[in-house]
């Protein structure tokens, strides 16, 4: 048996064109959580463009009674052309009780506006 070291280098290339990346977000849903200190949600990202896109995805909870907003940790994701990806997002249990509009927000370079998908949840 011989042991040898190896270094992997990943190179990503987007051609210099005037086209911008196009990524859609949808299907926000709650899934079974693996820990008692947070709730887990998944959302689908669909890269319908021809470029590799670095995306930022985060949860934004808005209390429907008071209008108070809570933003949670951003997840950085790389999406590849003509592919779909599921992203897992965590909602901490420290959120005050109430009814919330929970949105998964997508932001990426070249996008002129934020994109999102939303559901309504109850926090007890």
Protein backbone atom coordinates (compact mmCIF):
# COMPACT_ATOMS: atom_id res chain seq x y z
CA UNK A 1 0.00 0.00 0.00
CA UNK A 2 1.32 3.42 -0.88
CA UNK A 3 -0.07 6.69 0.39
CA UNK A 4 0.23 9.86 -1.63
CA UNK A 5 -1.10 13.36 -1.11
CA UNK A 6 -3.54 15.03 -3.44
CA UNK A 7 -4.76 18.58 -3.85
CA UNK A 8 -8.05 19.24 -5.63
CA UNK A 9 -8.70 22.60 -7.24
CA UNK A 10 -12.16 23.41 -8.54
CA UNK A 11 -12.34 25.99 -11.31
CA UNK A 12 -15.60 27.65 -12.32
CA UNK A 13 -15.88 29.65 -15.50
CA UNK A 14 -18.66 31.89 -16.73
CA UNK A 15 -18.14 33.24 -20.25
CA UNK A 16 -18.05 37.02 -20.60
CA UNK A 17 -21.45 37.75 -22.08
CA UNK A 18 -24.18 40.31 -21.56
CA UNK A 19 -26.56 37.68 -20.24
CA UNK A 20 -27.37 37.63 -16.54
CA UNK A 21 -28.02 34.62 -14.37
CA UNK A 22 -31.64 33.58 -13.89
CA UNK A 23 -32.57 31.69 -10.73
CA UNK A 24 -36.09 31.07 -9.42
CA UNK A 25 -37.13 30.15 -5.88
CA UNK A 26 -40.21 28.23 -4.79
CA UNK A 27 -41.84 25.42 -2.81
CA UNK A 28 -41.08 26.63 0.72
CA UNK A 29 -42.18 23.94 3.15
CA UNK A 30 -41.51 22.72 6.67
CA UNK A 31 -39.77 19.36 7.10
CA UNK A 32 -39.02 17.28 10.16
CA UNK A 33 -36.36 18.95 12.30
CA UNK A 34 -33.31 17.04 13.52
CA UNK A 35 -32.91 19.14 16.69
CA UNK A 36 -35.26 20.57 19.30
CA UNK A 37 -33.81 24.11 19.18
CA UNK A 38 -34.89 24.99 15.61
CA UNK A 39 -37.53 24.30 12.95
CA UNK A 40 -36.34 23.20 9.51
CA UNK A 41 -37.68 24.41 6.16
CA UNK A 42 -36.66 23.56 2.61
CA UNK A 43 -36.90 25.65 -0.54
CA UNK A 44 -36.11 24.83 -4.19
CA UNK A 45 -33.74 26.90 -6.33
CA UNK A 46 -34.03 26.47 -10.09
CA UNK A 47 -31.19 27.89 -12.21
CA UNK A 48 -32.89 28.40 -15.58
CA UNK A 49 -30.04 30.46 -17.03
CA UNK A 50 -26.73 29.60 -18.66
CA UNK A 51 -24.39 30.81 -15.90
CA UNK A 52 -23.04 29.49 -12.61
CA UNK A 53 -24.60 31.72 -9.95
CA UNK A 54 -23.58 32.31 -6.32
CA UNK A 55 -26.82 32.79 -4.38
CA UNK A 56 -27.68 34.01 -0.89
CA UNK A 57 -30.85 32.56 0.65
CA UNK A 58 -32.34 33.50 4.03
CA UNK A 59 -35.56 33.36 6.05
CA UNK A 60 -37.51 36.48 6.96
CA UNK A 61 -40.35 36.14 9.51
CA UNK A 62 -42.91 38.96 9.76
CA UNK A 63 -45.33 38.97 12.70
CA UNK A 64 -48.77 39.42 11.13
CA UNK A 65 -50.18 41.22 14.19
CA UNK A 66 -47.35 43.67 14.93
CA UNK A 67 -45.44 43.89 11.65
CA UNK A 68 -42.17 43.15 13.46
CA UNK A 69 -39.61 41.41 11.21
CA UNK A 70 -36.90 38.91 12.09
CA UNK A 71 -34.14 38.01 9.62
CA UNK A 72 -32.19 34.79 10.06
CA UNK A 73 -28.83 33.36 8.98
CA UNK A 74 -27.91 33.61 5.29
CA UNK A 75 -27.00 30.41 3.45
CA UNK A 76 -24.61 30.73 0.50
CA UNK A 77 -25.31 28.32 -2.37
CA UNK A 78 -23.76 27.77 -5.81
CA UNK A 79 -26.26 26.88 -8.55
CA UNK A 80 -25.29 25.42 -11.89
CA UNK A 81 -26.95 26.08 -15.26
CA UNK A 82 -30.14 24.14 -15.99
CA UNK A 83 -30.21 22.52 -12.55
CA UNK A 84 -32.46 22.47 -9.49
CA UNK A 85 -31.27 22.41 -5.89
CA UNK A 86 -33.00 22.05 -2.53
CA UNK A 87 -31.71 24.29 0.28
CA UNK A 88 -32.32 23.65 3.99
CA UNK A 89 -33.02 26.70 6.16
CA UNK A 90 -33.33 26.82 9.96
CA UNK A 91 -35.74 28.87 12.05
CA UNK A 92 -34.60 29.18 15.70
CA UNK A 93 -37.18 28.39 18.40
CA UNK A 94 -36.48 31.75 20.11
CA UNK A 95 -39.01 33.51 17.86
CA UNK A 96 -41.83 35.09 19.99
CA UNK A 97 -45.27 33.46 19.85
CA UNK A 98 -47.68 34.55 17.13
CA UNK A 99 -48.75 34.09 13.53
CA UNK A 100 -46.00 34.85 11.00
CA UNK A 101 -45.60 35.28 7.27
CA UNK A 102 -42.39 33.33 6.66
CA UNK A 103 -40.52 34.18 3.46
CA UNK A 104 -37.47 32.55 1.91
CA UNK A 105 -35.57 35.34 0.13
CA UNK A 106 -33.16 34.82 -2.79
CA UNK A 107 -30.47 37.34 -3.69
CA UNK A 108 -27.74 36.90 -6.30
CA UNK A 109 -25.39 39.13 -8.34
CA UNK A 110 -26.96 40.53 -11.49
CA UNK A 111 -30.49 40.29 -10.14
CA UNK A 112 -32.32 43.62 -10.21
CA UNK A 113 -34.62 42.66 -7.34
CA UNK A 114 -34.93 40.11 -4.57
CA UNK A 115 -37.02 37.02 -5.23
CA UNK A 116 -38.96 35.07 -2.65
CA UNK A 117 -41.60 32.57 -1.70
CA UNK A 118 -43.82 32.70 1.36
CA UNK A 119 -45.96 30.60 3.72
CA UNK A 120 -47.86 31.32 6.94
CA UNK A 121 -46.77 29.61 10.19
CA UNK A 122 -47.87 29.62 13.84
CA UNK A 123 -45.25 29.92 16.57
CA UNK A 124 -46.34 28.71 20.01
